Amino acid sequence: MTLPELRSPGLGDLQAAIGPRLGQVEQELRRMIEADFPLISDVNQHLLRMRGKMFRPTLVLLADAATGGPSPHAASLAAVIELIHLATLV
Protein backbone atom coordinates (compact mmCIF):
# COMPACT_ATOMS: atom_id res chain seq x y z
CA MET A 1 0.00 0.00 0.00
CA THR A 2 1.38 3.39 -0.96
CA LEU A 3 0.47 6.58 0.77
CA PRO A 4 -0.74 9.50 -1.30
CA GLU A 5 1.81 12.22 -1.79
CA LEU A 6 1.06 15.24 0.36
CA ARG A 7 1.47 18.67 -1.12
CA SER A 8 2.33 21.72 0.92
CA PRO A 9 -0.05 24.62 0.39
CA GLY A 10 1.27 27.31 -1.91
CA LEU A 11 0.82 31.06 -1.67
CA GLY A 12 -2.24 30.90 -3.92
CA ASP A 13 -3.85 28.36 -1.60
CA LEU A 14 -3.28 30.61 1.40
CA GLN A 15 -4.52 33.68 -0.44
CA ALA A 16 -7.70 31.92 -1.53
CA ALA A 17 -8.84 31.87 2.09
CA ILE A 18 -8.42 35.65 2.42
CA GLY A 19 -9.17 36.76 -1.14
CA PRO A 20 -11.80 39.39 -0.33
CA ARG A 21 -9.56 40.91 2.33
CA LEU A 22 -6.67 41.13 -0.15
CA GLY A 23 -9.07 43.12 -2.31
CA GLN A 24 -9.48 45.53 0.60
CA VAL A 25 -5.69 45.88 0.77
CA GLU A 26 -5.59 46.78 -2.94
CA GLN A 27 -8.28 49.42 -2.38
CA GLU A 28 -6.30 50.82 0.53
CA LEU A 29 -3.13 50.94 -1.58
CA ARG A 30 -4.96 52.91 -4.26
CA ARG A 31 -6.46 55.27 -1.69
CA MET A 32 -3.12 55.88 0.03
CA ILE A 33 -1.15 56.73 -3.10
CA GLU A 34 -3.78 58.80 -4.86
CA ALA A 35 -2.26 62.05 -6.16
CA ASP A 36 -3.38 65.12 -8.07
CA PHE A 37 -0.08 65.53 -9.90
CA PRO A 38 0.09 63.65 -13.23
CA LEU A 39 3.75 62.59 -12.86
CA ILE A 40 3.24 61.27 -9.34
CA SER A 41 0.03 59.57 -10.40
CA ASP A 42 1.90 57.81 -13.25
CA VAL A 43 4.63 56.64 -10.86
CA ASN A 44 2.01 55.41 -8.41
CA GLN A 45 0.23 53.44 -11.13
CA HIS A 46 3.54 51.81 -12.03
CA LEU A 47 4.05 50.86 -8.38
CA LEU A 48 0.62 49.25 -8.26
CA ARG A 49 1.41 47.20 -11.37
CA MET A 50 4.66 45.87 -9.87
CA ARG A 51 3.15 44.98 -6.51
CA GLY A 52 4.07 41.35 -6.96
CA LYS A 53 2.46 38.48 -5.14
CA MET A 54 1.19 40.45 -2.11
CA PHE A 55 3.21 38.14 0.14
CA ARG A 56 3.60 40.61 3.03
CA PRO A 57 -0.08 41.64 3.09
CA THR A 58 -0.99 37.96 3.01
CA LEU A 59 1.12 37.38 6.14
CA VAL A 60 -0.49 40.33 7.90
CA LEU A 61 -4.02 39.14 7.10
CA LEU A 62 -3.26 35.53 8.06
CA ALA A 63 -1.74 36.71 11.36
CA ASP A 64 -4.83 38.85 11.95
CA ALA A 65 -7.11 35.85 11.33
CA ALA A 66 -4.97 33.63 13.58
CA THR A 67 -5.21 36.10 16.45
CA GLY A 68 -8.97 36.49 16.50
CA GLY A 69 -9.49 38.89 13.58
CA PRO A 70 -10.74 40.32 11.44
CA SER A 71 -9.47 43.61 12.78
CA PRO A 72 -10.86 46.71 11.03
CA HIS A 73 -7.32 48.08 10.65
CA ALA A 74 -5.60 44.97 9.26
CA ALA A 75 -6.09 45.93 5.59
CA SER A 76 -4.62 49.39 6.22
CA LEU A 77 -1.64 47.94 8.07
CA ALA A 78 -1.08 45.41 5.28
CA ALA A 79 -1.18 48.23 2.69
CA VAL A 80 1.32 50.31 4.68
CA ILE A 81 3.70 47.36 4.95
CA GLU A 82 3.43 46.74 1.20
CA LEU A 83 4.13 50.43 0.49
CA ILE A 84 7.19 50.36 2.74
CA HIS A 85 8.43 47.30 0.87
CA LEU A 86 7.83 48.99 -2.49
CA ALA A 87 9.66 52.11 -1.29
CA THR A 88 12.72 50.03 -0.44
CA LEU A 89 12.72 48.69 -4.01
CA VAL A 90 12.64 52.17 -5.50
PDB file of N, CA and C in Angstrom:
ATOM      1  N   MET A   1       0.842  -1.176   0.000  1.00  0.00           N
ATOM      2  CA  MET A   1       0.000   0.000   0.000  1.00  0.00           C
ATOM      3  C   MET A   1       0.889   1.242   0.000  1.00  0.00           C
ATOM      4  N   THR A   2       0.616   2.140  -0.906  1.00  0.00           N
ATOM      5  CA  THR A   2       1.377   3.387  -0.958  1.00  0.00           C
ATOM      6  C   THR A   2       0.514   4.530  -0.436  1.00  0.00           C
ATOM      7  N   LEU A   3       1.174   5.420   0.245  1.00  0.00           N
ATOM      8  CA  LEU A   3       0.470   6.583   0.770  1.00  0.00           C
ATOM      9  C   LEU A   3       0.408   7.669  -0.301  1.00  0.00           C
ATOM     10  N   PRO A   4      -0.678   8.418  -0.316  1.00  0.00           N
ATOM     11  CA  PRO A   4      -0.745   9.502  -1.297  1.00  0.00           C
ATOM     12  C   PRO A   4       0.289  10.576  -0.960  1.00  0.00           C
ATOM     13  N   GLU A   5       0.818  11.174  -1.994  1.00  0.00           N
ATOM     14  CA  GLU A   5       1.812  12.224  -1.794  1.00  0.00           C
ATOM     15  C   GLU A   5       1.116  13.484  -1.283  1.00  0.00           C
ATOM     16  N   LEU A   6       1.628  14.017  -0.202  1.00  0.00           N
ATOM     17  CA  LEU A   6       1.060  15.236   0.362  1.00  0.00           C
ATOM     18  C   LEU A   6       1.734  16.446  -0.268  1.00  0.00           C
ATOM     19  N   ARG A   7       0.955  17.444  -0.516  1.00  0.00           N
ATOM     20  CA  ARG A   7       1.470  18.665  -1.122  1.00  0.00           C
ATOM     21  C   ARG A   7       1.315  19.809  -0.126  1.00  0.00           C
ATOM     22  N   SER A   8       2.390  20.555   0.052  1.00  0.00           N
ATOM     23  CA  SER A   8       2.331  21.722   0.921  1.00  0.00           C
ATOM     24  C   SER A   8       1.501  22.797   0.240  1.00  0.00           C
ATOM     25  N   PRO A   9       0.731  23.560   1.021  1.00  0.00           N
ATOM     26  CA  PRO A   9      -0.052  24.624   0.387  1.00  0.00           C
ATOM     27  C   PRO A   9       0.861  25.716  -0.160  1.00  0.00           C
ATOM     28  N   GLY A  10       0.511  26.223  -1.297  1.00  0.00           N
ATOM     29  CA  GLY A  10       1.267  27.313  -1.914  1.00  0.00           C
ATOM     30  C   GLY A  10       0.671  28.663  -1.531  1.00  0.00           C
ATOM     31  N   LEU A  11       1.290  29.723  -1.975  1.00  0.00           N
ATOM     32  CA  LEU A  11       0.816  31.064  -1.668  1.00  0.00           C
ATOM     33  C   LEU A  11      -0.608  31.270  -2.180  1.00  0.00           C
ATOM     34  N   GLY A  12      -0.885  30.771  -3.358  1.00  0.00           N
ATOM     35  CA  GLY A  12      -2.239  30.896  -3.917  1.00  0.00           C
ATOM     36  C   GLY A  12      -3.285  30.210  -3.054  1.00  0.00           C
ATOM     37  N   ASP A  13      -2.929  29.066  -2.485  1.00  0.00           N
ATOM     38  CA  ASP A  13      -3.850  28.358  -1.596  1.00  0.00           C
ATOM     39  C   ASP A  13      -4.145  29.194  -0.352  1.00  0.00           C
ATOM     40  N   LEU A  14      -3.102  29.784   0.202  1.00  0.00           N
ATOM     41  CA  LEU A  14      -3.277  30.613   1.397  1.00  0.00           C
ATOM     42  C   LEU A  14      -4.081  31.866   1.079  1.00  0.00           C
ATOM     43  N   GLN A  15      -3.814  32.458  -0.077  1.00  0.00           N
ATOM     44  CA  GLN A  15      -4.519  33.678  -0.443  1.00  0.00           C
ATOM     45  C   GLN A  15      -5.980  33.430  -0.782  1.00  0.00           C
ATOM     46  N   ALA A  16      -6.311  32.224  -1.208  1.00  0.00           N
ATOM     47  CA  ALA A  16      -7.701  31.917  -1.533  1.00  0.00           C
ATOM     48  C   ALA A  16      -8.598  32.084  -0.307  1.00  0.00           C
ATOM     49  N   ALA A  17      -8.058  31.766   0.863  1.00  0.00           N
ATOM     50  CA  ALA A  17      -8.843  31.873   2.089  1.00  0.00           C
ATOM     51  C   ALA A  17      -9.106  33.314   2.499  1.00  0.00           C
ATOM     52  N   ILE A  18      -8.284  34.244   2.012  1.00  0.00           N
ATOM     53  CA  ILE A  18      -8.422  35.646   2.416  1.00  0.00           C
ATOM     54  C   ILE A  18      -8.598  36.561   1.207  1.00  0.00           C
ATOM     55  N   GLY A  19      -9.040  36.008   0.101  1.00  0.00           N
ATOM     56  CA  GLY A  19      -9.175  36.757  -1.144  1.00  0.00           C
ATOM     57  C   GLY A  19      -9.902  38.085  -1.030  1.00  0.00           C
ATOM     58  N   PRO A  20     -11.091  38.113  -0.448  1.00  0.00           N
ATOM     59  CA  PRO A  20     -11.800  39.392  -0.331  1.00  0.00           C
ATOM     60  C   PRO A  20     -11.024  40.427   0.492  1.00  0.00           C
ATOM     61  N   ARG A  21     -10.330  39.981   1.503  1.00  0.00           N
ATOM     62  CA  ARG A  21      -9.561  40.906   2.334  1.00  0.00           C
ATOM     63  C   ARG A  21      -8.347  41.429   1.576  1.00  0.00           C
ATOM     64  N   LEU A  22      -7.759  40.625   0.698  1.00  0.00           N
ATOM     65  CA  LEU A  22      -6.675  41.127  -0.147  1.00  0.00           C
ATOM     66  C   LEU A  22      -7.198  42.210  -1.096  1.00  0.00           C
ATOM     67  N   GLY A  23      -8.442  42.073  -1.513  1.00  0.00           N
ATOM     68  CA  GLY A  23      -9.074  43.119  -2.313  1.00  0.00           C
ATOM     69  C   GLY A  23      -9.169  44.424  -1.538  1.00  0.00           C
ATOM     70  N   GLN A  24      -9.448  44.333  -0.244  1.00  0.00           N
ATOM     71  CA  GLN A  24      -9.483  45.530   0.601  1.00  0.00           C
ATOM     72  C   GLN A  24      -8.096  46.176   0.670  1.00  0.00           C
ATOM     73  N   VAL A  25      -7.053  45.351   0.736  1.00  0.00           N
ATOM     74  CA  VAL A  25      -5.690  45.876   0.774  1.00  0.00           C
ATOM     75  C   VAL A  25      -5.402  46.641  -0.520  1.00  0.00           C
ATOM     76  N   GLU A  26      -5.807  46.095  -1.661  1.00  0.00           N
ATOM     77  CA  GLU A  26      -5.591  46.777  -2.939  1.00  0.00           C
ATOM     78  C   GLU A  26      -6.318  48.115  -2.969  1.00  0.00           C
ATOM     79  N   GLN A  27      -7.543  48.150  -2.452  1.00  0.00           N
ATOM     80  CA  GLN A  27      -8.282  49.416  -2.384  1.00  0.00           C
ATOM     81  C   GLN A  27      -7.559  50.418  -1.488  1.00  0.00           C
ATOM     82  N   GLU A  28      -7.040  49.952  -0.373  1.00  0.00           N
ATOM     83  CA  GLU A  28      -6.298  50.823   0.535  1.00  0.00           C
ATOM     84  C   GLU A  28      -5.031  51.355  -0.133  1.00  0.00           C
ATOM     85  N   LEU A  29      -4.331  50.496  -0.859  1.00  0.00           N
ATOM     86  CA  LEU A  29      -3.132  50.940  -1.576  1.00  0.00           C
ATOM     87  C   LEU A  29      -3.479  52.067  -2.546  1.00  0.00           C
ATOM     88  N   ARG A  30      -4.543  51.880  -3.297  1.00  0.00           N
ATOM     89  CA  ARG A  30      -4.961  52.908  -4.257  1.00  0.00           C
ATOM     90  C   ARG A  30      -5.335  54.205  -3.536  1.00  0.00           C
ATOM     91  N   ARG A  31      -6.041  54.095  -2.440  1.00  0.00           N
ATOM     92  CA  ARG A  31      -6.456  55.268  -1.687  1.00  0.00           C
ATOM     93  C   ARG A  31      -5.244  56.018  -1.131  1.00  0.00           C
ATOM     94  N   MET A  32      -4.276  55.277  -0.616  1.00  0.00           N
ATOM     95  CA  MET A  32      -3.119  55.884   0.029  1.00  0.00           C
ATOM     96  C   MET A  32      -2.189  56.604  -0.947  1.00  0.00           C
ATOM     97  N   ILE A  33      -2.111  56.123  -2.176  1.00  0.00           N
ATOM     98  CA  ILE A  33      -1.152  56.728  -3.104  1.00  0.00           C
ATOM     99  C   ILE A  33      -1.814  57.631  -4.131  1.00  0.00           C
ATOM    100  N   GLU A  34      -3.080  57.918  -3.940  1.00  0.00           N
ATOM    101  CA  GLU A  34      -3.783  58.802  -4.856  1.00  0.00           C
ATOM    102  C   GLU A  34      -3.110  60.181  -4.857  1.00  0.00           C
ATOM    103  N   ALA A  35      -2.928  60.750  -6.048  1.00  0.00           N
ATOM    104  CA  ALA A  35      -2.259  62.050  -6.161  1.00  0.00           C
ATOM    105  C   ALA A  35      -2.918  62.884  -7.248  1.00  0.00           C
ATOM    106  N   ASP A  36      -2.830  64.199  -7.083  1.00  0.00           N
ATOM    107  CA  ASP A  36      -3.384  65.125  -8.070  1.00  0.00           C
ATOM    108  C   ASP A  36      -2.373  65.513  -9.144  1.00  0.00           C
ATOM    109  N   PHE A  37      -1.113  65.174  -8.943  1.00  0.00           N
ATOM    110  CA  PHE A  37      -0.076  65.531  -9.904  1.00  0.00           C
ATOM    111  C   PHE A  37       0.097  64.403 -10.908  1.00  0.00           C
ATOM    112  N   PRO A  38       0.012  64.705 -12.207  1.00  0.00           N
ATOM    113  CA  PRO A  38       0.093  63.651 -13.229  1.00  0.00           C
ATOM    114  C   PRO A  38       1.343  62.780 -13.126  1.00  0.00           C
ATOM    115  N   LEU A  39       2.515  63.379 -12.922  1.00  0.00           N
ATOM    116  CA  LEU A  39       3.747  62.594 -12.862  1.00  0.00           C
ATOM    117  C   LEU A  39       3.715  61.632 -11.676  1.00  0.00           C
ATOM    118  N   ILE A  40       3.314  62.121 -10.531  1.00  0.00           N
ATOM    119  CA  ILE A  40       3.242  61.269  -9.337  1.00  0.00           C
ATOM    120  C   ILE A  40       2.181  60.195  -9.529  1.00  0.00           C
ATOM    121  N   SER A  41       1.075  60.552 -10.137  1.00  0.00           N
ATOM    122  CA  SER A  41       0.027  59.570 -10.403  1.00  0.00           C
ATOM    123  C   SER A  41       0.538  58.456 -11.317  1.00  0.00           C
ATOM    124  N   ASP A  42       1.322  58.816 -12.343  1.00  0.00           N
ATOM    125  CA  ASP A  42       1.896  57.810 -13.250  1.00  0.00           C
ATOM    126  C   ASP A  42       2.851  56.877 -12.506  1.00  0.00           C
ATOM    127  N   VAL A  43       3.692  57.455 -11.650  1.00  0.00           N
ATOM    128  CA  VAL A  43       4.629  56.640 -10.863  1.00  0.00           C
ATOM    129  C   VAL A  43       3.852  55.706  -9.943  1.00  0.00           C
ATOM    130  N   ASN A  44       2.817  56.225  -9.315  1.00  0.00           N
ATOM    131  CA  ASN A  44       2.006  55.405  -8.409  1.00  0.00           C
ATOM    132  C   ASN A  44       1.346  54.250  -9.149  1.00  0.00           C
ATOM    133  N   GLN A  45       0.843  54.511 -10.348  1.00  0.00           N
ATOM    134  CA  GLN A  45       0.228  53.435 -11.129  1.00  0.00           C
ATOM    135  C   GLN A  45       1.255  52.356 -11.471  1.00  0.00           C
ATOM    136  N   HIS A  46       2.467  52.780 -11.766  1.00  0.00           N
ATOM    137  CA  HIS A  46       3.539  51.815 -12.032  1.00  0.00           C
ATOM    138  C   HIS A  46       3.794  50.970 -10.785  1.00  0.00           C
ATOM    139  N   LEU A  47       3.830  51.609  -9.622  1.00  0.00           N
ATOM    140  CA  LEU A  47       4.047  50.865  -8.376  1.00  0.00           C
ATOM    141  C   LEU A  47       2.950  49.833  -8.151  1.00  0.00           C
ATOM    142  N   LEU A  48       1.727  50.194  -8.446  1.00  0.00           N
ATOM    143  CA  LEU A  48       0.619  49.251  -8.261  1.00  0.00           C
ATOM    144  C   LEU A  48       0.737  48.064  -9.217  1.00  0.00           C
ATOM    145  N   ARG A  49       1.252  48.303 -10.406  1.00  0.00           N
ATOM    146  CA  ARG A  49       1.410  47.201 -11.365  1.00  0.00           C
ATOM    147  C   ARG A  49       2.524  46.252 -10.954  1.00  0.00           C
ATOM    148  N   MET A  50       3.541  46.741 -10.248  1.00  0.00           N
ATOM    149  CA  MET A  50       4.655  45.870  -9.872  1.00  0.00           C
ATOM    150  C   MET A  50       4.540  45.361  -8.433  1.00  0.00           C
ATOM    151  N   ARG A  51       3.335  45.338  -7.916  1.00  0.00           N
ATOM    152  CA  ARG A  51       3.151  44.976  -6.512  1.00  0.00           C
ATOM    153  C   ARG A  51       3.467  43.519  -6.206  1.00  0.00           C
ATOM    154  N   GLY A  52       3.649  42.725  -7.208  1.00  0.00           N
ATOM    155  CA  GLY A  52       4.071  41.349  -6.959  1.00  0.00           C
ATOM    156  C   GLY A  52       2.968  40.449  -6.440  1.00  0.00           C
ATOM    157  N   LYS A  53       3.352  39.540  -5.589  1.00  0.00           N
ATOM    158  CA  LYS A  53       2.458  38.477  -5.141  1.00  0.00           C
ATOM    159  C   LYS A  53       1.675  38.821  -3.873  1.00  0.00           C
ATOM    160  N   MET A  54       1.880  40.030  -3.348  1.00  0.00           N
ATOM    161  CA  MET A  54       1.191  40.452  -2.112  1.00  0.00           C
ATOM    162  C   MET A  54       1.526  39.516  -0.949  1.00  0.00           C
ATOM    163  N   PHE A  55       2.778  39.074  -0.898  1.00  0.00           N
ATOM    164  CA  PHE A  55       3.214  38.141   0.136  1.00  0.00           C
ATOM    165  C   PHE A  55       3.103  38.758   1.531  1.00  0.00           C
ATOM    166  N   ARG A  56       3.616  39.971   1.705  1.00  0.00           N
ATOM    167  CA  ARG A  56       3.599  40.610   3.030  1.00  0.00           C
ATOM    168  C   ARG A  56       2.184  40.899   3.506  1.00  0.00           C
ATOM    169  N   PRO A  57       1.308  41.469   2.649  1.00  0.00           N
ATOM    170  CA  PRO A  57      -0.075  41.641   3.092  1.00  0.00           C
ATOM    171  C   PRO A  57      -0.765  40.322   3.437  1.00  0.00           C
ATOM    172  N   THR A  58      -0.414  39.271   2.700  1.00  0.00           N
ATOM    173  CA  THR A  58      -0.987  37.956   3.015  1.00  0.00           C
ATOM    174  C   THR A  58      -0.598  37.536   4.428  1.00  0.00           C
ATOM    175  N   LEU A  59       0.679  37.725   4.781  1.00  0.00           N
ATOM    176  CA  LEU A  59       1.123  37.375   6.136  1.00  0.00           C
ATOM    177  C   LEU A  59       0.396  38.187   7.199  1.00  0.00           C
ATOM    178  N   VAL A  60       0.211  39.478   6.936  1.00  0.00           N
ATOM    179  CA  VAL A  60      -0.494  40.334   7.903  1.00  0.00           C
ATOM    180  C   VAL A  60      -1.926  39.838   8.089  1.00  0.00           C
ATOM    181  N   LEU A  61      -2.618  39.564   6.992  1.00  0.00           N
ATOM    182  CA  LEU A  61      -4.018  39.140   7.097  1.00  0.00           C
ATOM    183  C   LEU A  61      -4.154  37.754   7.721  1.00  0.00           C
ATOM    184  N   LEU A  62      -3.225  36.858   7.428  1.00  0.00           N
ATOM    185  CA  LEU A  62      -3.262  35.534   8.064  1.00  0.00           C
ATOM    186  C   LEU A  62      -2.976  35.642   9.559  1.00  0.00           C
ATOM    187  N   ALA A  63      -2.032  36.501   9.939  1.00  0.00           N
ATOM    188  CA  ALA A  63      -1.744  36.715  11.362  1.00  0.00           C
ATOM    189  C   ALA A  63      -2.951  37.319  12.053  1.00  0.00           C
ATOM    190  N   ASP A  64      -3.625  38.241  11.388  1.00  0.00           N
ATOM    191  CA  ASP A  64      -4.834  38.845  11.946  1.00  0.00           C
ATOM    192  C   ASP A  64      -5.904  37.780  12.177  1.00  0.00           C
ATOM    193  N   ALA A  65      -6.106  36.920  11.195  1.00  0.00           N
ATOM    194  CA  ALA A  65      -7.106  35.852  11.332  1.00  0.00           C
ATOM    195  C   ALA A  65      -6.726  34.870  12.439  1.00  0.00           C
ATOM    196  N   ALA A  66      -5.428  34.595  12.572  1.00  0.00           N
ATOM    197  CA  ALA A  66      -4.971  33.631  13.581  1.00  0.00           C
ATOM    198  C   ALA A  66      -5.068  34.177  15.000  1.00  0.00           C
ATOM    199  N   THR A  67      -5.159  35.497  15.113  1.00  0.00           N
ATOM    200  CA  THR A  67      -5.207  36.095  16.451  1.00  0.00           C
ATOM    201  C   THR A  67      -6.575  36.667  16.773  1.00  0.00           C
ATOM    202  N   GLY A  68      -7.614  36.112  16.149  1.00  0.00           N
ATOM    203  CA  GLY A  68      -8.974  36.489  16.505  1.00  0.00           C
ATOM    204  C   GLY A  68      -9.606  37.520  15.604  1.00  0.00           C
ATOM    205  N   GLY A  69      -8.961  37.870  14.486  1.00  0.00           N
ATOM    206  CA  GLY A  69      -9.491  38.886  13.575  1.00  0.00           C
ATOM    207  C   GLY A  69     -10.826  38.493  13.001  1.00  0.00           C
ATOM    208  N   PRO A  70     -11.392  39.259  12.166  1.00  0.00           N
ATOM    209  CA  PRO A  70     -10.739  40.324  11.436  1.00  0.00           C
ATOM    210  C   PRO A  70     -10.750  41.656  12.184  1.00  0.00           C
ATOM    211  N   SER A  71      -9.611  42.277  12.215  1.00  0.00           N
ATOM    212  CA  SER A  71      -9.472  43.610  12.780  1.00  0.00           C
ATOM    213  C   SER A  71      -9.822  44.628  11.694  1.00  0.00           C
ATOM    214  N   PRO A  72     -10.504  45.715  12.049  1.00  0.00           N
ATOM    215  CA  PRO A  72     -10.858  46.706  11.026  1.00  0.00           C
ATOM    216  C   PRO A  72      -9.644  47.442  10.450  1.00  0.00           C
ATOM    217  N   HIS A  73      -8.505  47.359  11.115  1.00  0.00           N
ATOM    218  CA  HIS A  73      -7.319  48.076  10.654  1.00  0.00           C
ATOM    219  C   HIS A  73      -6.297  47.183   9.953  1.00  0.00           C
ATOM    220  N   ALA A  74      -6.569  45.908   9.840  1.00  0.00           N
ATOM    221  CA  ALA A  74      -5.600  44.972   9.261  1.00  0.00           C
ATOM    222  C   ALA A  74      -5.304  45.284   7.797  1.00  0.00           C
ATOM    223  N   ALA A  75      -6.313  45.626   7.008  1.00  0.00           N
ATOM    224  CA  ALA A  75      -6.087  45.926   5.593  1.00  0.00           C
ATOM    225  C   ALA A  75      -5.219  47.174   5.441  1.00  0.00           C
ATOM    226  N   SER A  76      -5.443  48.175   6.280  1.00  0.00           N
ATOM    227  CA  SER A  76      -4.622  49.389   6.224  1.00  0.00           C
ATOM    228  C   SER A  76      -3.182  49.088   6.606  1.00  0.00           C
ATOM    229  N   LEU A  77      -2.993  48.314   7.652  1.00  0.00           N
ATOM    230  CA  LEU A  77      -1.644  47.939   8.071  1.00  0.00           C
ATOM    231  C   LEU A  77      -0.944  47.144   6.971  1.00  0.00           C
ATOM    232  N   ALA A  78      -1.662  46.216   6.368  1.00  0.00           N
ATOM    233  CA  ALA A  78      -1.083  45.412   5.284  1.00  0.00           C
ATOM    234  C   ALA A  78      -0.679  46.299   4.109  1.00  0.00           C
ATOM    235  N   ALA A  79      -1.507  47.311   3.789  1.00  0.00           N
ATOM    236  CA  ALA A  79      -1.177  48.229   2.693  1.00  0.00           C
ATOM    237  C   ALA A  79       0.055  49.056   3.032  1.00  0.00           C
ATOM    238  N   VAL A  80       0.151  49.521   4.270  1.00  0.00           N
ATOM    239  CA  VAL A  80       1.317  50.306   4.678  1.00  0.00           C
ATOM    240  C   VAL A  80       2.589  49.464   4.573  1.00  0.00           C
ATOM    241  N   ILE A  81       2.530  48.232   5.023  1.00  0.00           N
ATOM    242  CA  ILE A  81       3.697  47.360   4.952  1.00  0.00           C
ATOM    243  C   ILE A  81       4.097  47.113   3.499  1.00  0.00           C
ATOM    244  N   GLU A  82       3.123  46.939   2.624  1.00  0.00           N
ATOM    245  CA  GLU A  82       3.430  46.744   1.204  1.00  0.00           C
ATOM    246  C   GLU A  82       4.055  48.006   0.612  1.00  0.00           C
ATOM    247  N   LEU A  83       3.557  49.184   0.995  1.00  0.00           N
ATOM    248  CA  LEU A  83       4.133  50.430   0.486  1.00  0.00           C
ATOM    249  C   LEU A  83       5.557  50.625   0.983  1.00  0.00           C
ATOM    250  N   ILE A  84       5.819  50.271   2.222  1.00  0.00           N
ATOM    251  CA  ILE A  84       7.195  50.361   2.738  1.00  0.00           C
ATOM    252  C   ILE A  84       8.107  49.436   1.934  1.00  0.00           C
ATOM    253  N   HIS A  85       7.641  48.244   1.682  1.00  0.00           N
ATOM    254  CA  HIS A  85       8.431  47.299   0.873  1.00  0.00           C
ATOM    255  C   HIS A  85       8.691  47.870  -0.521  1.00  0.00           C
ATOM    256  N   LEU A  86       7.653  48.413  -1.154  1.00  0.00           N
ATOM    257  CA  LEU A  86       7.834  48.994  -2.492  1.00  0.00           C
ATOM    258  C   LEU A  86       8.808  50.157  -2.463  1.00  0.00           C
ATOM    259  N   ALA A  87       8.752  50.961  -1.411  1.00  0.00           N
ATOM    260  CA  ALA A  87       9.664  52.108  -1.292  1.00  0.00           C
ATOM    261  C   ALA A  87      11.110  51.643  -1.208  1.00  0.00           C
ATOM    262  N   THR A  88      11.347  50.527  -0.547  1.00  0.00           N
ATOM    263  CA  THR A  88      12.721  50.035  -0.436  1.00  0.00           C
ATOM    264  C   THR A  88      13.228  49.539  -1.795  1.00  0.00           C
ATOM    265  N   LEU A  89      12.327  49.131  -2.674  1.00  0.00           N
ATOM    266  CA  LEU A  89      12.721  48.687  -4.007  1.00  0.00           C
ATOM    267  C   LEU A  89      13.051  49.866  -4.911  1.00  0.00           C
ATOM    268  N   VAL A  90      12.397  50.980  -4.667  1.00  0.00           N
ATOM    269  CA  VAL A  90      12.636  52.170  -5.499  1.00  0.00           C
ATOM    270  C   VAL A  90      13.920  52.809  -5.070  1.00  0.00           C
TER     271      VAL A  90
END
